[in-house]
């Protein structure tokens, strides 16, 4: 009895420490608060900040990527065409691997979130790394820091049985940070009939947030489309092999409204490592890869993990 109570008490203490380390648990999600958290975390993790700044000094990319970067910073989204990406050997190797490995999926073995089936991808996989590394300079320049890969997964969406849209099928923004990058790789053509991603421009999304605030509606919830009636989202129609990149905090978006066939894509989230979903207090290991070896520290991973290490 005493041992049981002791274990219960220890777990309570550990969970409280875990709770306090992750500010996403207890801050109000808005741009100002998220930026404050980053400032505090950078101050507390000075050694890591210096290491990331050193690694991030040289980030150049091609003229095509430069054009796309300008478009991305203006709109909050852009599309890289498969024709241009095929000029990169690492892209061809990675896409060939994805095609051969994800052509025939046993959906019953994938996690289902009531909207689509999800397969978490192995961040140690060389082909996945080859693909993501193509965009690291692009993301680093946007975030002004060497980013971490938080998640990488395959999404497989089937037709909706009804028109009562839920979750990410409704307009929303992602709350992890005030600037973040999500990469969408189309493993087949994606259009209006099979769940195209709809994105509101960055400046329109700012206006929408102001309207919601004036109506005292929480801006980080899934929002009824009636509040978006004066704005037209852009459909990010993708050909097989195209890549869409979106700042999913800056831009309201929705997708997955599959009417026929199916939608299959790889989705990758890259973050500033000092944002709200990473712990304020953490040790710095020089041997740890600054891009790839931090995902296990992200809040969702730790929350799901049975094993929890305080430091």
C-alpha atoms as a PDB file:
ATOM      1  CA  UNK A   1       0.000   0.000   0.000  1.00  0.00           C
ATOM      2  CA  UNK A   2       2.802   2.384   0.977  1.00  0.00           C
ATOM      3  CA  UNK A   3       4.784   1.530  -2.174  1.00  0.00           C
ATOM      4  CA  UNK A   4       1.715   2.123  -4.337  1.00  0.00           C
ATOM      5  CA  UNK A   5       1.128   5.525  -2.748  1.00  0.00           C
ATOM      6  CA  UNK A   6       4.821   6.409  -3.098  1.00  0.00           C
ATOM      7  CA  UNK A   7       4.770   5.516  -6.813  1.00  0.00           C
ATOM      8  CA  UNK A   8       1.601   7.555  -7.297  1.00  0.00           C
ATOM      9  CA  UNK A   9       3.167  10.564  -5.570  1.00  0.00           C
ATOM     10  CA  UNK A  10       6.418  10.324  -7.544  1.00  0.00           C
ATOM     11  CA  UNK A  11       4.493  10.122 -10.827  1.00  0.00           C
ATOM     12  CA  UNK A  12       2.467  13.167  -9.823  1.00  0.00           C
ATOM     13  CA  UNK A  13       5.656  15.137  -9.141  1.00  0.00           C
ATOM     14  CA  UNK A  14       7.273  14.022 -12.408  1.00  0.00           C
ATOM     15  CA  UNK A  15       4.159  14.912 -14.392  1.00  0.00           C
ATOM     16  CA  UNK A  16       4.076  18.339 -12.762  1.00  0.00           C
ATOM     17  CA  UNK A  17       7.704  18.932 -13.781  1.00  0.00           C
ATOM     18  CA  UNK A  18       6.859  17.761 -17.277  1.00  0.00           C
ATOM     19  CA  UNK A  19       3.889  20.140 -17.337  1.00  0.00           C
ATOM     20  CA  UNK A  20       5.976  23.136 -16.273  1.00  0.00           C
ATOM     21  CA  UNK A  21       8.728  22.495 -18.835  1.00  0.00           C
ATOM     22  CA  UNK A  22       6.290  22.768 -21.746  1.00  0.00           C
ATOM     23  CA  UNK A  23       4.752  26.225 -21.936  1.00  0.00           C
ATOM     24  CA  UNK A  24       2.252  25.122 -24.572  1.00  0.00           C
ATOM     25  CA  UNK A  25       0.312  23.719 -21.595  1.00  0.00           C
ATOM     26  CA  UNK A  26      -0.431  26.989 -19.897  1.00  0.00           C
ATOM     27  CA  UNK A  27       0.002  30.017 -22.167  1.00  0.00           C
ATOM     28  CA  UNK A  28      -2.696  31.734 -24.151  1.00  0.00           C
ATOM     29  CA  UNK A  29      -1.932  31.082 -27.826  1.00  0.00           C
ATOM     30  CA  UNK A  30      -1.191  34.367 -29.559  1.00  0.00           C
ATOM     31  CA  UNK A  31       1.771  35.766 -31.447  1.00  0.00           C
ATOM     32  CA  UNK A  32       2.977  37.946 -28.591  1.00  0.00           C
ATOM     33  CA  UNK A  33       3.054  35.124 -26.035  1.00  0.00           C
ATOM     34  CA  UNK A  34       4.691  32.670 -28.423  1.00  0.00           C
ATOM     35  CA  UNK A  35       7.449  35.190 -29.184  1.00  0.00           C
ATOM     36  CA  UNK A  36       8.018  35.817 -25.469  1.00  0.00           C
ATOM     37  CA  UNK A  37       8.451  32.091 -24.876  1.00  0.00           C
ATOM     38  CA  UNK A  38      11.070  31.886 -27.629  1.00  0.00           C
ATOM     39  CA  UNK A  39      12.981  34.803 -26.117  1.00  0.00           C
ATOM     40  CA  UNK A  40      12.981  33.183 -22.652  1.00  0.00           C
ATOM     41  CA  UNK A  41      13.979  29.767 -24.035  1.00  0.00           C
ATOM     42  CA  UNK A  42      16.857  31.238 -26.052  1.00  0.00           C
ATOM     43  CA  UNK A  43      18.114  32.982 -22.927  1.00  0.00           C
ATOM     44  CA  UNK A  44      17.954  29.787 -20.879  1.00  0.00           C
ATOM     45  CA  UNK A  45      19.559  27.657 -23.608  1.00  0.00           C
ATOM     46  CA  UNK A  46      22.388  29.951 -24.650  1.00  0.00           C
ATOM     47  CA  UNK A  47      24.857  27.222 -25.637  1.00  0.00           C
ATOM     48  CA  UNK A  48      22.378  25.650 -28.013  1.00  0.00           C
ATOM     49  CA  UNK A  49      21.464  29.042 -29.454  1.00  0.00           C
ATOM     50  CA  UNK A  50      25.143  29.789 -30.200  1.00  0.00           C
ATOM     51  CA  UNK A  51      25.611  26.364 -31.830  1.00  0.00           C
ATOM     52  CA  UNK A  52      22.537  26.855 -34.014  1.00  0.00           C
ATOM     53  CA  UNK A  53      23.611  30.370 -34.988  1.00  0.00           C
ATOM     54  CA  UNK A  54      27.045  29.078 -36.035  1.00  0.00           C
ATOM     55  CA  UNK A  55      25.512  26.249 -38.112  1.00  0.00           C
ATOM     56  CA  UNK A  56      23.068  28.643 -39.755  1.00  0.00           C
ATOM     57  CA  UNK A  57      25.610  31.143 -41.104  1.00  0.00           C
ATOM     58  CA  UNK A  58      25.769  29.839 -44.683  1.00  0.00           C
ATOM     59  CA  UNK A  59      22.394  29.300 -46.314  1.00  0.00           C
ATOM     60  CA  UNK A  60      22.297  29.901 -50.038  1.00  0.00           C
ATOM     61  CA  UNK A  61      19.912  28.455 -52.599  1.00  0.00           C
ATOM     62  CA  UNK A  62      19.168  28.551 -56.311  1.00  0.00           C
ATOM     63  CA  UNK A  63      17.418  31.331 -58.187  1.00  0.00           C
ATOM     64  CA  UNK A  64      14.239  29.232 -58.369  1.00  0.00           C
ATOM     65  CA  UNK A  65      14.258  28.752 -54.586  1.00  0.00           C
ATOM     66  CA  UNK A  66      14.900  32.498 -54.146  1.00  0.00           C
ATOM     67  CA  UNK A  67      11.801  33.326 -56.188  1.00  0.00           C
ATOM     68  CA  UNK A  68       9.768  30.852 -54.161  1.00  0.00           C
ATOM     69  CA  UNK A  69      11.148  32.267 -50.910  1.00  0.00           C
ATOM     70  CA  UNK A  70       9.975  35.777 -51.831  1.00  0.00           C
ATOM     71  CA  UNK A  71       6.515  34.429 -52.693  1.00  0.00           C
ATOM     72  CA  UNK A  72       6.398  32.444 -49.459  1.00  0.00           C
ATOM     73  CA  UNK A  73       7.321  35.389 -47.230  1.00  0.00           C
ATOM     74  CA  UNK A  74       4.643  37.523 -48.924  1.00  0.00           C
ATOM     75  CA  UNK A  75       1.741  35.069 -49.104  1.00  0.00           C
ATOM     76  CA  UNK A  76       2.590  32.564 -46.377  1.00  0.00           C
ATOM     77  CA  UNK A  77       2.635  29.678 -48.870  1.00  0.00           C
ATOM     78  CA  UNK A  78       4.201  28.557 -52.141  1.00  0.00           C
ATOM     79  CA  UNK A  79       4.353  25.520 -54.429  1.00  0.00           C
ATOM     80  CA  UNK A  80       7.504  23.885 -55.806  1.00  0.00           C
ATOM     81  CA  UNK A  81       6.807  22.174 -59.121  1.00  0.00           C
ATOM     82  CA  UNK A  82       7.885  18.592 -59.699  1.00  0.00           C
ATOM     83  CA  UNK A  83       9.542  19.707 -62.962  1.00  0.00           C
ATOM     84  CA  UNK A  84      11.954  21.937 -61.040  1.00  0.00           C
ATOM     85  CA  UNK A  85      12.475  19.496 -58.183  1.00  0.00           C
ATOM     86  CA  UNK A  86      13.414  16.705 -60.593  1.00  0.00           C
ATOM     87  CA  UNK A  87      16.589  18.655 -61.337  1.00  0.00           C
ATOM     88  CA  UNK A  88      17.761  17.712 -57.820  1.00  0.00           C
ATOM     89  CA  UNK A  89      19.182  14.182 -57.590  1.00  0.00           C
ATOM     90  CA  UNK A  90      18.354  13.806 -53.879  1.00  0.00           C
ATOM     91  CA  UNK A  91      14.724  14.577 -54.618  1.00  0.00           C
ATOM     92  CA  UNK A  92      14.560  11.895 -57.327  1.00  0.00           C
ATOM     93  CA  UNK A  93      16.100   9.273 -55.037  1.00  0.00           C
ATOM     94  CA  UNK A  94      13.757  10.116 -52.179  1.00  0.00           C
ATOM     95  CA  UNK A  95      10.596  10.275 -54.285  1.00  0.00           C
ATOM     96  CA  UNK A  96      11.373   6.943 -55.916  1.00  0.00           C
ATOM     97  CA  UNK A  97      11.720   5.444 -52.435  1.00  0.00           C
ATOM     98  CA  UNK A  98       8.414   6.956 -51.249  1.00  0.00           C
ATOM     99  CA  UNK A  99       6.596   5.685 -54.334  1.00  0.00           C
ATOM    100  CA  UNK A 100       7.834   2.124 -53.945  1.00  0.00           C
ATOM    101  CA  UNK A 101       7.247   1.954 -50.192  1.00  0.00           C
ATOM    102  CA  UNK A 102       3.889   3.712 -49.909  1.00  0.00           C
ATOM    103  CA  UNK A 103       2.068   2.570 -53.060  1.00  0.00           C
ATOM    104  CA  UNK A 104       0.103  -0.200 -51.327  1.00  0.00           C
ATOM    105  CA  UNK A 105      -0.835   0.633 -47.753  1.00  0.00           C
ATOM    106  CA  UNK A 106      -2.711  -1.580 -45.323  1.00  0.00           C
ATOM    107  CA  UNK A 107      -4.913   1.129 -43.855  1.00  0.00           C
ATOM    108  CA  UNK A 108      -6.082  -1.122 -41.037  1.00  0.00           C
ATOM    109  CA  UNK A 109      -2.549  -0.975 -39.619  1.00  0.00           C
ATOM    110  CA  UNK A 110      -2.416   2.841 -39.628  1.00  0.00           C
ATOM    111  CA  UNK A 111      -3.592   5.179 -36.902  1.00  0.00           C
ATOM    112  CA  UNK A 112      -6.921   6.852 -37.732  1.00  0.00           C
ATOM    113  CA  UNK A 113      -7.942  10.280 -36.377  1.00  0.00           C
ATOM    114  CA  UNK A 114     -11.529  10.342 -37.772  1.00  0.00           C
ATOM    115  CA  UNK A 115     -10.339  12.312 -40.823  1.00  0.00           C
ATOM    116  CA  UNK A 116      -7.382  10.447 -42.283  1.00  0.00           C
ATOM    117  CA  UNK A 117      -5.064   7.508 -41.664  1.00  0.00           C
ATOM    118  CA  UNK A 118      -1.582   8.375 -40.374  1.00  0.00           C
ATOM    119  CA  UNK A 119       1.727   6.574 -40.644  1.00  0.00           C
ATOM    120  CA  UNK A 120       4.532   8.108 -38.565  1.00  0.00           C
ATOM    121  CA  UNK A 121       7.759   8.072 -40.576  1.00  0.00           C
ATOM    122  CA  UNK A 122      11.174   7.148 -39.245  1.00  0.00           C
ATOM    123  CA  UNK A 123      13.256  10.318 -38.918  1.00  0.00           C
ATOM    124  CA  UNK A 124      16.408   8.198 -39.152  1.00  0.00           C
ATOM    125  CA  UNK A 125      15.538   7.111 -42.696  1.00  0.00           C
ATOM    126  CA  UNK A 126      18.162   8.364 -45.169  1.00  0.00           C
ATOM    127  CA  UNK A 127      15.685   8.987 -47.999  1.00  0.00           C
ATOM    128  CA  UNK A 128      13.438  11.076 -45.779  1.00  0.00           C
ATOM    129  CA  UNK A 129      16.454  13.050 -44.637  1.00  0.00           C
ATOM    130  CA  UNK A 130      17.623  13.578 -48.218  1.00  0.00           C
ATOM    131  CA  UNK A 131      14.232  15.017 -49.095  1.00  0.00           C
ATOM    132  CA  UNK A 132      13.938  17.318 -46.075  1.00  0.00           C
ATOM    133  CA  UNK A 133      17.541  18.526 -46.364  1.00  0.00           C
ATOM    134  CA  UNK A 134      16.660  20.047 -49.746  1.00  0.00           C
ATOM    135  CA  UNK A 135      14.482  22.571 -47.915  1.00  0.00           C
ATOM    136  CA  UNK A 136      16.570  23.191 -44.768  1.00  0.00           C
ATOM    137  CA  UNK A 137      18.268  26.359 -46.146  1.00  0.00           C
ATOM    138  CA  UNK A 138      14.844  27.686 -47.195  1.00  0.00           C
ATOM    139  CA  UNK A 139      13.326  27.042 -43.752  1.00  0.00           C
ATOM    140  CA  UNK A 140      16.409  28.308 -41.896  1.00  0.00           C
ATOM    141  CA  UNK A 141      16.266  31.613 -43.737  1.00  0.00           C
ATOM    142  CA  UNK A 142      12.585  31.987 -42.935  1.00  0.00           C
ATOM    143  CA  UNK A 143      12.846  31.117 -39.231  1.00  0.00           C
ATOM    144  CA  UNK A 144      16.224  32.848 -38.878  1.00  0.00           C
ATOM    145  CA  UNK A 145      17.570  29.818 -37.064  1.00  0.00           C
ATOM    146  CA  UNK A 146      18.544  26.231 -37.791  1.00  0.00           C
ATOM    147  CA  UNK A 147      15.223  24.372 -37.364  1.00  0.00           C
ATOM    148  CA  UNK A 148      14.284  21.014 -35.899  1.00  0.00           C
ATOM    149  CA  UNK A 149      12.185  18.395 -37.655  1.00  0.00           C
ATOM    150  CA  UNK A 150       9.273  17.877 -35.265  1.00  0.00           C
ATOM    151  CA  UNK A 151       7.151  15.364 -37.170  1.00  0.00           C
ATOM    152  CA  UNK A 152       7.081  13.547 -40.491  1.00  0.00           C
ATOM    153  CA  UNK A 153       4.132  11.377 -41.431  1.00  0.00           C
ATOM    154  CA  UNK A 154       2.144   9.990 -44.316  1.00  0.00           C
ATOM    155  CA  UNK A 155      -1.531  11.016 -44.499  1.00  0.00           C
ATOM    156  CA  UNK A 156      -4.042   8.914 -46.419  1.00  0.00           C
ATOM    157  CA  UNK A 157      -7.529  10.438 -46.719  1.00  0.00           C
ATOM    158  CA  UNK A 158     -10.637   8.618 -47.975  1.00  0.00           C
ATOM    159  CA  UNK A 159     -13.962  10.142 -49.130  1.00  0.00           C
ATOM    160  CA  UNK A 160     -16.105  11.756 -46.427  1.00  0.00           C
ATOM    161  CA  UNK A 161     -19.236   9.787 -45.619  1.00  0.00           C
ATOM    162  CA  UNK A 162     -21.092  13.006 -44.833  1.00  0.00           C
ATOM    163  CA  UNK A 163     -20.613  16.747 -45.219  1.00  0.00           C
ATOM    164  CA  UNK A 164     -20.305  17.475 -41.507  1.00  0.00           C
ATOM    165  CA  UNK A 165     -16.723  18.645 -41.552  1.00  0.00           C
ATOM    166  CA  UNK A 166     -14.653  18.320 -38.398  1.00  0.00           C
ATOM    167  CA  UNK A 167     -11.168  19.090 -37.084  1.00  0.00           C
ATOM    168  CA  UNK A 168      -8.668  20.138 -39.734  1.00  0.00           C
ATOM    169  CA  UNK A 169     -11.428  20.102 -42.371  1.00  0.00           C
ATOM    170  CA  UNK A 170     -12.510  23.425 -40.818  1.00  0.00           C
ATOM    171  CA  UNK A 171     -10.519  26.684 -41.069  1.00  0.00           C
ATOM    172  CA  UNK A 172      -7.823  26.840 -38.396  1.00  0.00           C
ATOM    173  CA  UNK A 173      -4.187  27.677 -37.803  1.00  0.00           C
ATOM    174  CA  UNK A 174      -1.582  25.502 -36.089  1.00  0.00           C
ATOM    175  CA  UNK A 175      -0.600  26.831 -32.642  1.00  0.00           C
ATOM    176  CA  UNK A 176       2.928  25.524 -32.044  1.00  0.00           C
ATOM    177  CA  UNK A 177       4.752  28.769 -32.869  1.00  0.00           C
ATOM    178  CA  UNK A 178       4.318  32.248 -34.342  1.00  0.00           C
ATOM    179  CA  UNK A 179       6.400  31.192 -37.369  1.00  0.00           C
ATOM    180  CA  UNK A 180       6.623  27.608 -38.535  1.00  0.00           C
ATOM    181  CA  UNK A 181       6.870  25.631 -41.741  1.00  0.00           C
ATOM    182  CA  UNK A 182       4.850  22.646 -42.883  1.00  0.00           C
ATOM    183  CA  UNK A 183       5.888  20.768 -46.032  1.00  0.00           C
ATOM    184  CA  UNK A 184       3.353  18.771 -48.067  1.00  0.00           C
ATOM    185  CA  UNK A 185       4.654  16.299 -50.680  1.00  0.00           C
ATOM    186  CA  UNK A 186       1.949  15.009 -53.042  1.00  0.00           C
ATOM    187  CA  UNK A 187       2.265  11.262 -53.691  1.00  0.00           C
ATOM    188  CA  UNK A 188      -0.551  11.593 -56.225  1.00  0.00           C
ATOM    189  CA  UNK A 189      -2.479  14.439 -57.852  1.00  0.00           C
ATOM    190  CA  UNK A 190      -4.377  16.504 -55.277  1.00  0.00           C
ATOM    191  CA  UNK A 191      -7.284  18.725 -56.294  1.00  0.00           C
ATOM    192  CA  UNK A 192     -10.732  19.848 -55.190  1.00  0.00           C
ATOM    193  CA  UNK A 193     -12.271  16.386 -55.594  1.00  0.00           C
ATOM    194  CA  UNK A 194      -9.817  14.600 -53.304  1.00  0.00           C
ATOM    195  CA  UNK A 195      -9.136  16.998 -50.464  1.00  0.00           C
ATOM    196  CA  UNK A 196      -7.002  19.889 -51.700  1.00  0.00           C
ATOM    197  CA  UNK A 197      -5.449  22.145 -49.052  1.00  0.00           C
ATOM    198  CA  UNK A 198      -7.148  25.561 -48.978  1.00  0.00           C
ATOM    199  CA  UNK A 199      -5.053  28.419 -47.590  1.00  0.00           C
ATOM    200  CA  UNK A 200      -5.926  32.018 -46.744  1.00  0.00           C
ATOM    201  CA  UNK A 201      -3.200  34.536 -47.507  1.00  0.00           C
ATOM    202  CA  UNK A 202      -1.098  35.768 -44.606  1.00  0.00           C
ATOM    203  CA  UNK A 203      -2.515  39.314 -44.709  1.00  0.00           C
ATOM    204  CA  UNK A 204      -6.094  37.983 -44.931  1.00  0.00           C
ATOM    205  CA  UNK A 205      -5.478  35.708 -41.963  1.00  0.00           C
ATOM    206  CA  UNK A 206      -4.348  38.720 -39.906  1.00  0.00           C
ATOM    207  CA  UNK A 207      -7.623  40.478 -40.771  1.00  0.00           C
ATOM    208  CA  UNK A 208      -9.629  37.369 -39.852  1.00  0.00           C
ATOM    209  CA  UNK A 209      -7.924  37.128 -36.457  1.00  0.00           C
ATOM    210  CA  UNK A 210      -8.847  40.750 -35.760  1.00  0.00           C
ATOM    211  CA  UNK A 211     -12.497  40.038 -36.637  1.00  0.00           C
ATOM    212  CA  UNK A 212     -12.526  36.994 -34.359  1.00  0.00           C
ATOM    213  CA  UNK A 213     -10.935  38.950 -31.509  1.00  0.00           C
ATOM    214  CA  UNK A 214     -13.520  41.718 -31.902  1.00  0.00           C
ATOM    215  CA  UNK A 215     -16.237  39.048 -31.634  1.00  0.00           C
ATOM    216  CA  UNK A 216     -14.455  37.520 -28.614  1.00  0.00           C
ATOM    217  CA  UNK A 217     -13.933  34.208 -30.383  1.00  0.00           C
ATOM    218  CA  UNK A 218     -10.801  32.186 -29.646  1.00  0.00           C
ATOM    219  CA  UNK A 219      -8.651  32.498 -32.743  1.00  0.00           C
ATOM    220  CA  UNK A 220      -6.890  29.151 -32.269  1.00  0.00           C
ATOM    221  CA  UNK A 221     -10.041  27.026 -32.419  1.00  0.00           C
ATOM    222  CA  UNK A 222     -11.619  25.442 -35.491  1.00  0.00           C
ATOM    223  CA  UNK A 223     -13.739  28.324 -36.809  1.00  0.00           C
ATOM    224  CA  UNK A 224     -17.143  28.237 -38.583  1.00  0.00           C
ATOM    225  CA  UNK A 225     -16.741  29.289 -42.209  1.00  0.00           C
ATOM    226  CA  UNK A 226     -19.310  32.057 -41.833  1.00  0.00           C
ATOM    227  CA  UNK A 227     -16.512  34.244 -40.441  1.00  0.00           C
ATOM    228  CA  UNK A 228     -14.520  33.738 -43.645  1.00  0.00           C
ATOM    229  CA  UNK A 229     -17.254  34.662 -46.132  1.00  0.00           C
ATOM    230  CA  UNK A 230     -15.502  37.853 -47.294  1.00  0.00           C
ATOM    231  CA  UNK A 231     -12.302  35.995 -48.130  1.00  0.00           C
ATOM    232  CA  UNK A 232     -11.488  33.416 -50.783  1.00  0.00           C
ATOM    233  CA  UNK A 233      -8.880  30.798 -49.926  1.00  0.00           C
ATOM    234  CA  UNK A 234      -6.339  29.636 -52.482  1.00  0.00           C
ATOM    235  CA  UNK A 235      -6.603  25.991 -53.506  1.00  0.00           C
ATOM    236  CA  UNK A 236      -3.111  24.496 -53.498  1.00  0.00           C
ATOM    237  CA  UNK A 237      -3.750  22.023 -56.328  1.00  0.00           C
ATOM    238  CA  UNK A 238      -0.744  19.729 -56.635  1.00  0.00           C
ATOM    239  CA  UNK A 239       0.488  17.427 -59.344  1.00  0.00           C
ATOM    240  CA  UNK A 240       2.088  14.182 -58.246  1.00  0.00           C
ATOM    241  CA  UNK A 241       5.528  15.096 -56.924  1.00  0.00           C
ATOM    242  CA  UNK A 242       4.767  18.777 -56.285  1.00  0.00           C
ATOM    243  CA  UNK A 243       5.624  20.221 -52.874  1.00  0.00           C
ATOM    244  CA  UNK A 244       3.573  22.850 -51.050  1.00  0.00           C
ATOM    245  CA  UNK A 245       5.130  24.814 -48.201  1.00  0.00           C
ATOM    246  CA  UNK A 246       2.907  26.733 -45.779  1.00  0.00           C
ATOM    247  CA  UNK A 247       3.383  28.765 -42.630  1.00  0.00           C
ATOM    248  CA  UNK A 248       0.484  27.082 -40.863  1.00  0.00           C
ATOM    249  CA  UNK A 249       0.437  29.600 -38.014  1.00  0.00           C
ATOM    250  CA  UNK A 250       0.407  32.687 -40.227  1.00  0.00           C
ATOM    251  CA  UNK A 251      -2.250  31.296 -42.579  1.00  0.00           C
ATOM    252  CA  UNK A 252      -5.666  29.929 -41.765  1.00  0.00           C
ATOM    253  CA  UNK A 253      -6.186  26.746 -43.761  1.00  0.00           C
ATOM    254  CA  UNK A 254      -8.328  23.642 -44.138  1.00  0.00           C
ATOM    255  CA  UNK A 255      -8.290  20.471 -46.224  1.00  0.00           C
ATOM    256  CA  UNK A 256      -9.083  16.794 -46.396  1.00  0.00           C
ATOM    257  CA  UNK A 257     -12.596  17.239 -47.789  1.00  0.00           C
ATOM    258  CA  UNK A 258     -12.345  14.193 -50.014  1.00  0.00           C
ATOM    259  CA  UNK A 259     -15.312  13.639 -52.332  1.00  0.00           C
ATOM    260  CA  UNK A 260     -13.897  10.853 -54.481  1.00  0.00           C
ATOM    261  CA  UNK A 261     -10.775   8.733 -54.882  1.00  0.00           C
ATOM    262  CA  UNK A 262      -8.283   9.448 -52.080  1.00  0.00           C
ATOM    263  CA  UNK A 263      -5.550  11.869 -51.031  1.00  0.00           C
ATOM    264  CA  UNK A 264      -2.058  10.644 -50.153  1.00  0.00           C
ATOM    265  CA  UNK A 265       0.705  12.958 -49.046  1.00  0.00           C
ATOM    266  CA  UNK A 266       3.741  13.210 -46.800  1.00  0.00           C
ATOM    267  CA  UNK A 267       3.492  15.998 -44.230  1.00  0.00           C
ATOM    268  CA  UNK A 268       6.513  17.397 -42.385  1.00  0.00           C
ATOM    269  CA  UNK A 269       6.582  20.003 -39.625  1.00  0.00           C
ATOM    270  CA  UNK A 270       9.723  22.072 -38.950  1.00  0.00           C
ATOM    271  CA  UNK A 271       9.981  24.380 -35.965  1.00  0.00           C
ATOM    272  CA  UNK A 272      12.160  26.840 -34.160  1.00  0.00           C
ATOM    273  CA  UNK A 273      13.620  24.636 -31.371  1.00  0.00           C
ATOM    274  CA  UNK A 274      12.893  27.313 -28.779  1.00  0.00           C
ATOM    275  CA  UNK A 275       9.147  27.402 -29.407  1.00  0.00           C
ATOM    276  CA  UNK A 276       6.392  26.436 -26.967  1.00  0.00           C
ATOM    277  CA  UNK A 277       6.311  22.705 -27.789  1.00  0.00           C
ATOM    278  CA  UNK A 278       9.940  22.186 -26.772  1.00  0.00           C
ATOM    279  CA  UNK A 279      11.047  22.230 -23.115  1.00  0.00           C
ATOM    280  CA  UNK A 280      12.250  25.474 -21.572  1.00  0.00           C
ATOM    281  CA  UNK A 281      14.803  23.601 -19.481  1.00  0.00           C
ATOM    282  CA  UNK A 282      16.994  21.048 -21.226  1.00  0.00           C
ATOM    283  CA  UNK A 283      20.593  19.933 -21.342  1.00  0.00           C
ATOM    284  CA  UNK A 284      22.730  20.585 -24.404  1.00  0.00           C
ATOM    285  CA  UNK A 285      24.684  17.719 -25.916  1.00  0.00           C
ATOM    286  CA  UNK A 286      27.214  18.727 -28.590  1.00  0.00           C
ATOM    287  CA  UNK A 287      26.970  15.254 -30.114  1.00  0.00           C
ATOM    288  CA  UNK A 288      23.246  15.606 -30.740  1.00  0.00           C
ATOM    289  CA  UNK A 289      22.306  16.471 -34.322  1.00  0.00           C
ATOM    290  CA  UNK A 290      20.714  19.908 -34.168  1.00  0.00           C
ATOM    291  CA  UNK A 291      18.123  19.171 -36.859  1.00  0.00           C
ATOM    292  CA  UNK A 292      17.225  15.523 -36.362  1.00  0.00           C
ATOM    293  CA  UNK A 293      17.764  14.615 -32.706  1.00  0.00           C
ATOM    294  CA  UNK A 294      15.180  16.839 -31.024  1.00  0.00           C
ATOM    295  CA  UNK A 295      11.839  15.403 -32.136  1.00  0.00           C
ATOM    296  CA  UNK A 296      11.704  13.093 -29.098  1.00  0.00           C
ATOM    297  CA  UNK A 297      11.638  16.217 -26.904  1.00  0.00           C
ATOM    298  CA  UNK A 298       8.556  17.704 -28.568  1.00  0.00           C
ATOM    299  CA  UNK A 299       5.502  17.919 -26.356  1.00  0.00           C
ATOM    300  CA  UNK A 300       3.334  15.448 -28.280  1.00  0.00           C
ATOM    301  CA  UNK A 301       6.095  12.831 -28.308  1.00  0.00           C
ATOM    302  CA  UNK A 302       6.760  13.188 -24.588  1.00  0.00           C
ATOM    303  CA  UNK A 303       3.049  13.157 -23.769  1.00  0.00           C
ATOM    304  CA  UNK A 304       2.615   9.878 -25.641  1.00  0.00           C
ATOM    305  CA  UNK A 305       5.782   8.313 -24.291  1.00  0.00           C
ATOM    306  CA  UNK A 306       5.630   5.856 -21.390  1.00  0.00           C
ATOM    307  CA  UNK A 307       9.206   6.664 -20.481  1.00  0.00           C
ATOM    308  CA  UNK A 308       9.856  10.217 -19.372  1.00  0.00           C
ATOM    309  CA  UNK A 309      13.286  11.659 -18.671  1.00  0.00           C
ATOM    310  CA  UNK A 310      13.392  14.925 -16.774  1.00  0.00           C
ATOM    311  CA  UNK A 311      16.779  15.916 -18.253  1.00  0.00           C
END
